[in-house]
Amino acid sequence: MHNGIFVTGTGTDIGKTYVTALLIKKLHEAGCGTAYFKAAVSGNERDENGSLIPGDAAYVKTISGISQPLDTMCPYIYETAVSPHLASKIEGDPVELEKVRACYERLCREYEYVICEGSGGIVCPIRFDSKTIMLEDIIKSLGLPTIIVADAGLGTINGVVLTCEYMKSHGLVIRGLILNNFHKGSIMEEDNKLMCEKLTGLPVIACVSENDTDIDISAEELKRICSRGGGI
C-alpha cells in the first residue's frame, strides 16, 4: 500500500477535481513529491493535433503547480461526456484493471504520494460488457483509503450518509469527509457538517469555499491521512 488517498464523491460535478487539486497543491508546497491519477476520464476535448486532452488532469496540474507529465495521469481518456462504461462502448478501448494498476504503480515508484480521483459518484460503472468493473473495484485494486467530497448545501446529509453506507458495505476504508461550496456561518451548512459527522461517525476534515486557493488542513495532517495505515 503506497502513500496516497482516493478522492470520491456523492455525485458528479460536486467539486472532486477542485478539491483534489487543492490537496495535491498542499502536499506539493510542503515539498512532497506528489502525483495525480485518474483511471478513466470522460468529456474531454481535442487539441489542434486531434489528440484528446484529459481536462481534469490539466486543471489539477495548473492549480496544484506540479510538474508531472500530463500523459502519465490518465490511462483511459474518452471524448463523450458520459459514464466511462458507456463512453468505451461508443468509442472503444474499455478499461482493463491490469493497465490501471500498472500505470498507478509506475507513479508510486516515482512519487512519494499519489492522489487518485474517481469518476462520477461512488456508484459509477467503469466497464459493463463482457466484464463488469465498478468504481469500487478500481479503489480496491489500488489498495487505497478514501475521502468523500460532498456539496455543503441542501441535501448533503442524505447524499453523504447513503454514500458512506454503500462504501462501508463494499469494504472500502473512509478516512473523512470534505464539504465543498461551504459558507462559514451559514446555519444550515454548519448543521449539515455536524449531522454528517454524527450520522456517519466520520470527521469533516476540511471545508472548502468557492474560489479558495488553499484548503484548511495542515500538510502534516494530510500526510497522516495519506500514509500507509494512517488516519486521523
Protein backbone atom coordinates (compact mmCIF):
# COMPACT_ATOMS: atom_id res chain seq x y z
CA MET A 1 0.00 0.00 0.00
CA HIS A 2 1.52 3.29 -1.14
CA ASN A 3 1.11 6.72 0.46
CA GLY A 4 -1.98 8.26 -1.06
CA ILE A 5 -5.72 8.65 -0.99
CA PHE A 6 -8.64 8.05 -3.34
CA VAL A 7 -11.00 11.02 -3.68
CA THR A 8 -14.59 10.08 -4.44
CA GLY A 9 -17.84 11.98 -4.06
CA THR A 10 -21.56 11.93 -3.52
CA GLY A 11 -22.15 12.59 -7.22
CA THR A 12 -20.95 14.21 -10.41
CA ASP A 13 -19.96 17.89 -10.53
CA ILE A 14 -19.68 18.40 -6.78
CA GLY A 15 -16.06 19.57 -6.94
CA LYS A 16 -13.90 16.44 -6.69
CA THR A 17 -11.35 17.74 -9.19
CA TYR A 18 -11.15 21.15 -7.50
CA VAL A 19 -10.67 19.59 -4.06
CA THR A 20 -8.17 17.07 -5.40
CA ALA A 21 -6.15 19.91 -6.92
CA LEU A 22 -6.05 21.71 -3.57
CA LEU A 23 -4.95 18.54 -1.75
CA ILE A 24 -2.13 17.97 -4.22
CA LYS A 25 -1.14 21.64 -4.04
CA LYS A 26 -0.90 21.38 -0.24
CA LEU A 27 1.47 18.40 -0.39
CA HIS A 28 3.45 19.85 -3.30
CA GLU A 29 4.02 23.16 -1.49
CA ALA A 30 5.13 21.19 1.59
CA GLY A 31 7.93 19.73 -0.53
CA CYS A 32 6.38 16.30 -1.09
CA GLY A 33 6.71 14.64 -4.48
CA THR A 34 3.04 14.26 -5.37
CA ALA A 35 1.27 12.85 -8.43
CA TYR A 36 -2.29 12.89 -9.71
CA PHE A 37 -4.02 9.82 -11.11
CA LYS A 38 -7.48 9.20 -12.58
CA ALA A 39 -8.16 5.83 -14.16
CA ALA A 40 -10.84 6.95 -16.61
CA VAL A 41 -11.93 10.44 -17.58
CA SER A 42 -14.79 11.33 -19.96
CA GLY A 43 -15.98 14.50 -21.65
CA ASN A 44 -12.60 15.66 -22.96
CA GLU A 45 -11.69 17.94 -25.85
CA ARG A 46 -9.12 17.53 -28.60
CA ASP A 47 -6.07 19.72 -29.18
CA GLU A 48 -5.03 21.21 -32.52
CA ASN A 49 -3.48 17.86 -33.48
CA GLY A 50 -6.68 15.95 -32.78
CA SER A 51 -5.37 14.32 -29.58
CA LEU A 52 -7.66 14.01 -26.58
CA ILE A 53 -6.54 16.10 -23.62
CA PRO A 54 -7.59 14.90 -20.13
CA GLY A 55 -9.30 18.06 -18.93
CA ASP A 56 -9.44 17.15 -15.23
CA ALA A 57 -5.74 16.31 -15.20
CA ALA A 58 -4.82 19.54 -16.98
CA TYR A 59 -6.87 21.51 -14.44
CA VAL A 60 -5.22 19.78 -11.48
CA LYS A 61 -1.76 20.36 -12.97
CA THR A 62 -2.47 24.08 -13.40
CA ILE A 63 -3.98 24.63 -9.93
CA SER A 64 -1.50 22.49 -7.98
CA GLY A 65 1.66 23.56 -9.76
CA ILE A 66 3.05 20.04 -10.10
CA SER A 67 5.38 19.22 -12.99
CA GLN A 68 4.08 15.68 -13.55
CA PRO A 69 3.70 14.97 -17.30
CA LEU A 70 0.07 15.07 -18.41
CA ASP A 71 0.36 11.77 -20.28
CA THR A 72 1.09 9.89 -17.03
CA MET A 73 -2.09 11.00 -15.26
CA CYS A 74 -4.98 9.20 -17.01
CA PRO A 75 -4.65 5.87 -18.82
CA TYR A 76 -8.18 5.99 -20.29
CA ILE A 77 -9.41 9.21 -21.92
CA TYR A 78 -12.79 9.49 -23.65
CA GLU A 79 -14.40 12.31 -25.62
CA THR A 80 -18.07 11.56 -24.93
CA ALA A 81 -19.37 13.18 -21.74
CA VAL A 82 -20.97 10.08 -20.23
CA SER A 83 -20.00 7.40 -17.71
CA PRO A 84 -16.78 5.57 -18.71
CA HIS A 85 -18.62 2.30 -19.32
CA LEU A 86 -20.83 3.94 -21.95
CA ALA A 87 -18.05 6.10 -23.40
CA SER A 88 -15.97 2.99 -24.07
CA LYS A 89 -18.95 1.28 -25.73
CA ILE A 90 -19.25 4.27 -28.06
CA GLU A 91 -15.54 4.88 -28.66
CA GLY A 92 -13.86 1.56 -27.88
CA ASP A 93 -10.86 0.98 -25.57
CA PRO A 94 -12.65 -0.36 -22.47
CA VAL A 95 -10.90 -0.15 -19.11
CA GLU A 96 -8.65 -3.01 -18.05
CA LEU A 97 -7.76 -3.22 -14.36
CA GLU A 98 -4.28 -4.53 -15.16
CA LYS A 99 -3.42 -1.41 -17.17
CA VAL A 100 -4.87 0.88 -14.49
CA ARG A 101 -2.84 -0.81 -11.78
CA ALA A 102 0.35 -0.81 -13.85
CA CYS A 103 0.06 2.95 -14.53
CA TYR A 104 -0.65 3.65 -10.88
CA GLU A 105 2.25 1.50 -9.65
CA ARG A 106 4.60 3.29 -12.04
CA LEU A 107 3.68 6.57 -10.37
CA CYS A 108 4.16 5.02 -6.93
CA ARG A 109 7.76 4.24 -7.83
CA GLU A 110 8.40 7.84 -8.85
CA TYR A 111 6.44 9.90 -6.30
CA GLU A 112 6.08 9.92 -2.53
CA TYR A 113 2.31 10.48 -2.68
CA VAL A 114 -0.26 9.63 -5.35
CA ILE A 115 -3.67 11.26 -5.04
CA CYS A 116 -6.32 9.46 -7.10
CA GLU A 117 -9.64 10.87 -8.24
CA GLY A 118 -12.68 8.78 -9.06
CA SER A 119 -15.12 9.12 -11.94
CA GLY A 120 -18.57 10.46 -11.04
CA GLY A 121 -20.03 9.35 -7.72
CA ILE A 122 -19.13 6.14 -5.90
CA VAL A 123 -21.70 4.06 -7.84
CA CYS A 124 -20.08 4.55 -11.23
CA PRO A 125 -19.82 1.78 -13.83
CA ILE A 126 -16.32 1.89 -15.31
CA ARG A 127 -16.88 -1.05 -17.63
CA PHE A 128 -20.03 -3.05 -18.31
CA ASP A 129 -19.76 -5.55 -21.16
CA SER A 130 -18.17 -8.98 -21.02
CA LYS A 131 -16.51 -7.66 -17.86
CA THR A 132 -18.02 -5.60 -15.07
CA ILE A 133 -15.81 -3.04 -13.36
CA MET A 134 -17.32 -0.63 -10.86
CA LEU A 135 -15.52 2.27 -9.24
CA GLU A 136 -15.08 0.34 -6.00
CA ASP A 137 -13.16 -2.30 -7.97
CA ILE A 138 -10.66 0.38 -9.01
CA ILE A 139 -10.29 1.55 -5.40
CA LYS A 140 -9.76 -1.99 -4.11
CA SER A 141 -7.31 -2.79 -6.90
CA LEU A 142 -5.18 0.21 -5.92
CA GLY A 143 -5.46 -0.61 -2.23
CA LEU A 144 -6.27 2.93 -1.15
CA PRO A 145 -8.32 4.51 1.64
CA THR A 146 -10.81 7.16 0.59
CA ILE A 147 -12.04 10.68 1.19
CA ILE A 148 -15.60 11.66 0.25
CA VAL A 149 -16.29 15.10 -1.24
CA ALA A 150 -19.82 16.47 -0.88
CA ASP A 151 -21.52 19.77 -1.59
CA ALA A 152 -22.21 21.59 1.66
CA GLY A 153 -25.73 22.67 0.71
CA LEU A 154 -29.24 21.32 0.94
CA GLY A 155 -29.48 17.54 0.55
CA THR A 156 -25.93 16.76 1.57
CA ILE A 157 -26.86 14.81 4.70
CA ASN A 158 -28.78 12.26 2.65
CA GLY A 159 -26.08 12.05 -0.02
CA VAL A 160 -23.24 11.66 2.46
CA VAL A 161 -24.95 9.03 4.61
CA LEU A 162 -26.03 6.93 1.61
CA THR A 163 -22.55 7.16 0.06
CA CYS A 164 -20.91 6.13 3.33
CA GLU A 165 -23.27 3.21 3.85
CA TYR A 166 -22.67 1.94 0.30
CA MET A 167 -18.91 2.24 0.68
CA LYS A 168 -18.82 0.55 4.06
CA SER A 169 -20.99 -2.31 2.75
CA HIS A 170 -18.43 -2.81 -0.04
CA GLY A 171 -15.48 -2.92 2.35
CA LEU A 172 -13.99 0.47 1.50
CA VAL A 173 -11.99 2.41 4.09
CA ILE A 174 -13.14 6.02 4.55
CA ARG A 175 -10.82 8.46 6.33
CA GLY A 176 -13.02 11.52 6.29
CA LEU A 177 -15.34 13.96 4.53
CA ILE A 178 -14.69 17.25 2.74
CA LEU A 179 -17.51 19.75 2.22
CA ASN A 180 -17.27 21.92 -0.90
CA ASN A 181 -19.05 25.23 -1.57
CA PHE A 182 -19.11 25.83 2.18
CA HIS A 183 -20.32 29.17 3.57
CA LYS A 184 -18.90 29.68 7.05
CA GLY A 185 -21.57 30.96 9.40
CA SER A 186 -24.47 29.50 7.41
CA ILE A 187 -26.79 27.90 9.96
CA MET A 188 -27.84 25.16 7.53
CA GLU A 189 -24.35 24.32 6.30
CA GLU A 190 -22.83 24.36 9.78
CA ASP A 191 -25.62 21.98 10.85
CA ASN A 192 -25.03 19.81 7.77
CA LYS A 193 -21.39 19.49 8.83
CA LEU A 194 -22.39 18.46 12.36
CA MET A 195 -25.06 16.00 11.20
CA CYS A 196 -22.78 14.36 8.61
CA GLU A 197 -20.23 13.73 11.35
CA LYS A 198 -22.80 12.45 13.83
CA LEU A 199 -24.62 10.16 11.39
CA THR A 200 -21.53 8.65 9.73
CA GLY A 201 -19.06 8.65 12.61
CA LEU A 202 -16.54 10.28 10.26
CA PRO A 203 -14.77 13.63 10.65
CA VAL A 204 -15.21 16.54 8.27
CA ILE A 205 -11.51 17.08 7.68
CA ALA A 206 -11.90 20.30 5.65
CA CYS A 207 -14.46 22.77 4.36
CA VAL A 208 -13.79 24.47 1.03
CA SER A 209 -15.37 27.76 -0.02
CA GLU A 210 -15.86 28.98 -3.57
CA ASN A 211 -12.63 30.19 -5.18
CA ASP A 212 -10.43 29.02 -2.29
CA THR A 213 -6.78 28.71 -3.30
CA ASP A 214 -5.86 26.73 -0.18
CA ILE A 215 -7.53 24.00 1.85
CA ASP A 216 -7.92 24.34 5.62
CA ILE A 217 -5.96 21.26 6.60
CA SER A 218 -2.32 21.21 7.59
CA ALA A 219 0.23 19.42 5.44
CA GLU A 220 1.14 17.20 8.40
CA GLU A 221 -2.46 16.14 8.96
CA LEU A 222 -2.88 15.46 5.26
CA LYS A 223 0.27 13.34 5.27
CA ARG A 224 -1.18 11.28 8.12
CA ILE A 225 -4.43 10.76 6.23
CA CYS A 226 -2.49 9.64 3.16
CA SER A 227 0.04 7.48 4.99
CA ARG A 228 0.11 3.68 4.93
CA GLY A 229 -2.01 2.52 7.84
CA GLY A 230 -2.54 6.14 8.85
CA GLY A 231 -5.61 8.16 9.60
CA ILE A 232 -6.69 10.91 11.91
